[in-house]
């Protein structure tokens, strides 16, 4: 299975176990079919499903919070990268979306309900 992660409007955990994604069994999804969201699926953070040459392609959402630092343009926007990755390589401790207005040097930080960016604490700011 390949997954593509986009910026989401809500927080969802991402759970992948074989062909079961966020509680939905996609194993019987037919070859050549394309699914692009229903309320039930988007509520689970699934935004699209396709099966191409026998392989599932699933678009999932990851939630970007407001930045914990001033943004470079006043916004707190997020976007996906558009890259497909192997589901086996998915790491829940990695941010797959991009903070489009993060200031230079900001670091991605996982919070209980999503991802944010913050400026690293320096010795000066810690004192």
C-alpha atoms as a PDB file:
ATOM      1  CA  UNK A   1       0.000   0.000   0.000  1.00  0.00           C
ATOM      2  CA  UNK A   2       1.115   3.530  -0.791  1.00  0.00           C
ATOM      3  CA  UNK A   3      -0.051   6.501   1.244  1.00  0.00           C
ATOM      4  CA  UNK A   4      -0.101  10.226   0.589  1.00  0.00           C
ATOM      5  CA  UNK A   5      -0.623  12.519   3.562  1.00  0.00           C
ATOM      6  CA  UNK A   6      -2.389  15.860   3.174  1.00  0.00           C
ATOM      7  CA  UNK A   7      -3.195  18.643   5.603  1.00  0.00           C
ATOM      8  CA  UNK A   8      -6.398  17.841   7.460  1.00  0.00           C
ATOM      9  CA  UNK A   9      -9.097  19.987   9.060  1.00  0.00           C
ATOM     10  CA  UNK A  10      -9.372  17.733  12.137  1.00  0.00           C
ATOM     11  CA  UNK A  11      -7.071  15.620  14.241  1.00  0.00           C
ATOM     12  CA  UNK A  12      -7.072  11.879  13.506  1.00  0.00           C
ATOM     13  CA  UNK A  13      -4.585   9.274  14.465  1.00  0.00           C
ATOM     14  CA  UNK A  14      -3.343   7.208  11.538  1.00  0.00           C
ATOM     15  CA  UNK A  15      -3.615   3.463  12.023  1.00  0.00           C
ATOM     16  CA  UNK A  16      -2.475   1.051   9.307  1.00  0.00           C
ATOM     17  CA  UNK A  17      -2.677  -2.716   9.764  1.00  0.00           C
ATOM     18  CA  UNK A  18      -2.404  -4.539   6.452  1.00  0.00           C
ATOM     19  CA  UNK A  19      -5.314  -3.308   4.316  1.00  0.00           C
ATOM     20  CA  UNK A  20      -7.171  -1.903   7.348  1.00  0.00           C
ATOM     21  CA  UNK A  21      -6.743   1.865   7.555  1.00  0.00           C
ATOM     22  CA  UNK A  22      -8.202   3.860  10.449  1.00  0.00           C
ATOM     23  CA  UNK A  23     -10.684   1.051  11.059  1.00  0.00           C
ATOM     24  CA  UNK A  24     -11.792   0.633   7.420  1.00  0.00           C
ATOM     25  CA  UNK A  25     -11.022  -2.688   5.735  1.00  0.00           C
ATOM     26  CA  UNK A  26      -9.966  -1.755   2.198  1.00  0.00           C
ATOM     27  CA  UNK A  27      -8.944  -5.283   1.147  1.00  0.00           C
ATOM     28  CA  UNK A  28     -11.944  -5.718  -1.160  1.00  0.00           C
ATOM     29  CA  UNK A  29     -11.527  -2.338  -2.867  1.00  0.00           C
ATOM     30  CA  UNK A  30     -11.741  -3.180  -6.597  1.00  0.00           C
ATOM     31  CA  UNK A  31      -9.031  -2.707  -9.211  1.00  0.00           C
ATOM     32  CA  UNK A  32      -9.403   0.517 -11.199  1.00  0.00           C
ATOM     33  CA  UNK A  33     -11.954   2.041  -8.829  1.00  0.00           C
ATOM     34  CA  UNK A  34     -11.464   5.499  -7.355  1.00  0.00           C
ATOM     35  CA  UNK A  35     -13.040   6.731  -4.142  1.00  0.00           C
ATOM     36  CA  UNK A  36     -12.793  10.342  -3.059  1.00  0.00           C
ATOM     37  CA  UNK A  37     -14.371  10.777   0.336  1.00  0.00           C
ATOM     38  CA  UNK A  38     -17.623  10.449   2.178  1.00  0.00           C
ATOM     39  CA  UNK A  39     -18.481  11.977   5.532  1.00  0.00           C
ATOM     40  CA  UNK A  40     -17.754   8.700   7.306  1.00  0.00           C
ATOM     41  CA  UNK A  41     -14.372   8.286   5.607  1.00  0.00           C
ATOM     42  CA  UNK A  42     -13.252  11.914   5.978  1.00  0.00           C
ATOM     43  CA  UNK A  43     -14.299  11.800   9.633  1.00  0.00           C
ATOM     44  CA  UNK A  44     -11.765   8.958   9.890  1.00  0.00           C
ATOM     45  CA  UNK A  45      -9.110  10.974   8.050  1.00  0.00           C
ATOM     46  CA  UNK A  46      -9.327   9.055   4.739  1.00  0.00           C
ATOM     47  CA  UNK A  47      -9.643  11.338   1.707  1.00  0.00           C
ATOM     48  CA  UNK A  48      -9.155   9.011  -1.217  1.00  0.00           C
ATOM     49  CA  UNK A  49      -8.629   5.377  -2.168  1.00  0.00           C
ATOM     50  CA  UNK A  50      -7.556   3.808  -5.457  1.00  0.00           C
ATOM     51  CA  UNK A  51      -6.296   0.379  -6.458  1.00  0.00           C
ATOM     52  CA  UNK A  52      -3.806   0.517  -9.332  1.00  0.00           C
ATOM     53  CA  UNK A  53      -2.116  -2.638 -10.641  1.00  0.00           C
ATOM     54  CA  UNK A  54      -3.203  -4.455  -7.477  1.00  0.00           C
ATOM     55  CA  UNK A  55      -1.772  -1.892  -5.052  1.00  0.00           C
ATOM     56  CA  UNK A  56      -3.847   0.359  -2.804  1.00  0.00           C
ATOM     57  CA  UNK A  57      -3.191   4.114  -2.881  1.00  0.00           C
ATOM     58  CA  UNK A  58      -4.718   5.848   0.133  1.00  0.00           C
ATOM     59  CA  UNK A  59      -4.776   9.580   0.875  1.00  0.00           C
ATOM     60  CA  UNK A  60      -4.808  10.334   4.609  1.00  0.00           C
ATOM     61  CA  UNK A  61      -4.931  13.525   6.668  1.00  0.00           C
ATOM     62  CA  UNK A  62      -2.552  14.859   9.299  1.00  0.00           C
ATOM     63  CA  UNK A  63      -3.565  17.880  11.390  1.00  0.00           C
ATOM     64  CA  UNK A  64      -1.491  21.052  11.560  1.00  0.00           C
ATOM     65  CA  UNK A  65      -2.099  23.272  14.595  1.00  0.00           C
ATOM     66  CA  UNK A  66      -1.485  26.997  14.856  1.00  0.00           C
ATOM     67  CA  UNK A  67       2.217  27.711  15.012  1.00  0.00           C
ATOM     68  CA  UNK A  68       3.851  28.222  18.414  1.00  0.00           C
ATOM     69  CA  UNK A  69       6.007  30.975  16.955  1.00  0.00           C
ATOM     70  CA  UNK A  70       5.345  34.001  14.750  1.00  0.00           C
ATOM     71  CA  UNK A  71       4.767  32.990  11.152  1.00  0.00           C
ATOM     72  CA  UNK A  72       6.698  34.553   8.311  1.00  0.00           C
ATOM     73  CA  UNK A  73       3.513  35.797   6.621  1.00  0.00           C
ATOM     74  CA  UNK A  74       0.907  36.033   9.379  1.00  0.00           C
ATOM     75  CA  UNK A  75      -0.784  32.745   8.440  1.00  0.00           C
ATOM     76  CA  UNK A  76      -0.655  29.336  10.039  1.00  0.00           C
ATOM     77  CA  UNK A  77      -1.173  27.294   6.880  1.00  0.00           C
ATOM     78  CA  UNK A  78      -0.214  23.687   6.176  1.00  0.00           C
ATOM     79  CA  UNK A  79      -0.083  21.570   3.016  1.00  0.00           C
ATOM     80  CA  UNK A  80       0.827  18.049   2.002  1.00  0.00           C
ATOM     81  CA  UNK A  81       3.964  17.304   0.009  1.00  0.00           C
ATOM     82  CA  UNK A  82       2.190  15.217  -2.635  1.00  0.00           C
ATOM     83  CA  UNK A  83       4.696  12.383  -2.137  1.00  0.00           C
ATOM     84  CA  UNK A  84       3.543   8.762  -1.994  1.00  0.00           C
ATOM     85  CA  UNK A  85       5.317   6.573   0.553  1.00  0.00           C
ATOM     86  CA  UNK A  86       5.133   2.869   1.367  1.00  0.00           C
ATOM     87  CA  UNK A  87       2.685   2.328   4.216  1.00  0.00           C
ATOM     88  CA  UNK A  88       5.304   0.138   5.921  1.00  0.00           C
ATOM     89  CA  UNK A  89       7.566   3.207   6.147  1.00  0.00           C
ATOM     90  CA  UNK A  90       4.936   5.393   7.855  1.00  0.00           C
ATOM     91  CA  UNK A  91       6.260   6.772  11.156  1.00  0.00           C
ATOM     92  CA  UNK A  92       3.643   8.241  13.534  1.00  0.00           C
ATOM     93  CA  UNK A  93       6.357  10.401  15.106  1.00  0.00           C
ATOM     94  CA  UNK A  94       7.109  12.198  11.830  1.00  0.00           C
ATOM     95  CA  UNK A  95       5.287  15.192  10.422  1.00  0.00           C
ATOM     96  CA  UNK A  96       4.396  14.608   6.766  1.00  0.00           C
ATOM     97  CA  UNK A  97       2.765  17.989   6.160  1.00  0.00           C
ATOM     98  CA  UNK A  98       4.544  21.307   5.628  1.00  0.00           C
ATOM     99  CA  UNK A  99       4.056  24.526   7.576  1.00  0.00           C
ATOM    100  CA  UNK A 100       3.987  26.942   4.642  1.00  0.00           C
ATOM    101  CA  UNK A 101       4.656  30.096   6.692  1.00  0.00           C
ATOM    102  CA  UNK A 102       7.078  28.764   9.279  1.00  0.00           C
ATOM    103  CA  UNK A 103       9.995  31.080  10.004  1.00  0.00           C
ATOM    104  CA  UNK A 104      13.484  29.934   9.125  1.00  0.00           C
ATOM    105  CA  UNK A 105      14.880  27.646  11.820  1.00  0.00           C
ATOM    106  CA  UNK A 106      11.489  26.549  13.178  1.00  0.00           C
ATOM    107  CA  UNK A 107      11.226  22.912  14.225  1.00  0.00           C
ATOM    108  CA  UNK A 108       8.274  20.557  13.836  1.00  0.00           C
ATOM    109  CA  UNK A 109       6.798  19.440  17.159  1.00  0.00           C
ATOM    110  CA  UNK A 110       4.223  16.745  17.807  1.00  0.00           C
ATOM    111  CA  UNK A 111       1.478  17.663  20.226  1.00  0.00           C
ATOM    112  CA  UNK A 112      -1.326  15.534  21.641  1.00  0.00           C
ATOM    113  CA  UNK A 113      -3.794  16.687  18.970  1.00  0.00           C
ATOM    114  CA  UNK A 114      -1.612  17.395  15.939  1.00  0.00           C
ATOM    115  CA  UNK A 115       1.592  19.037  14.706  1.00  0.00           C
ATOM    116  CA  UNK A 116       2.961  22.532  15.154  1.00  0.00           C
ATOM    117  CA  UNK A 117       6.181  24.435  14.554  1.00  0.00           C
ATOM    118  CA  UNK A 118       8.169  26.280  17.192  1.00  0.00           C
ATOM    119  CA  UNK A 119      11.504  27.985  17.433  1.00  0.00           C
ATOM    120  CA  UNK A 120      14.120  25.862  19.179  1.00  0.00           C
ATOM    121  CA  UNK A 121      14.976  26.992  22.673  1.00  0.00           C
ATOM    122  CA  UNK A 122      18.443  28.512  22.819  1.00  0.00           C
ATOM    123  CA  UNK A 123      20.667  28.924  25.847  1.00  0.00           C
ATOM    124  CA  UNK A 124      19.798  32.632  25.861  1.00  0.00           C
ATOM    125  CA  UNK A 125      16.031  32.033  25.865  1.00  0.00           C
ATOM    126  CA  UNK A 126      16.345  29.268  28.509  1.00  0.00           C
ATOM    127  CA  UNK A 127      18.115  31.602  30.946  1.00  0.00           C
END
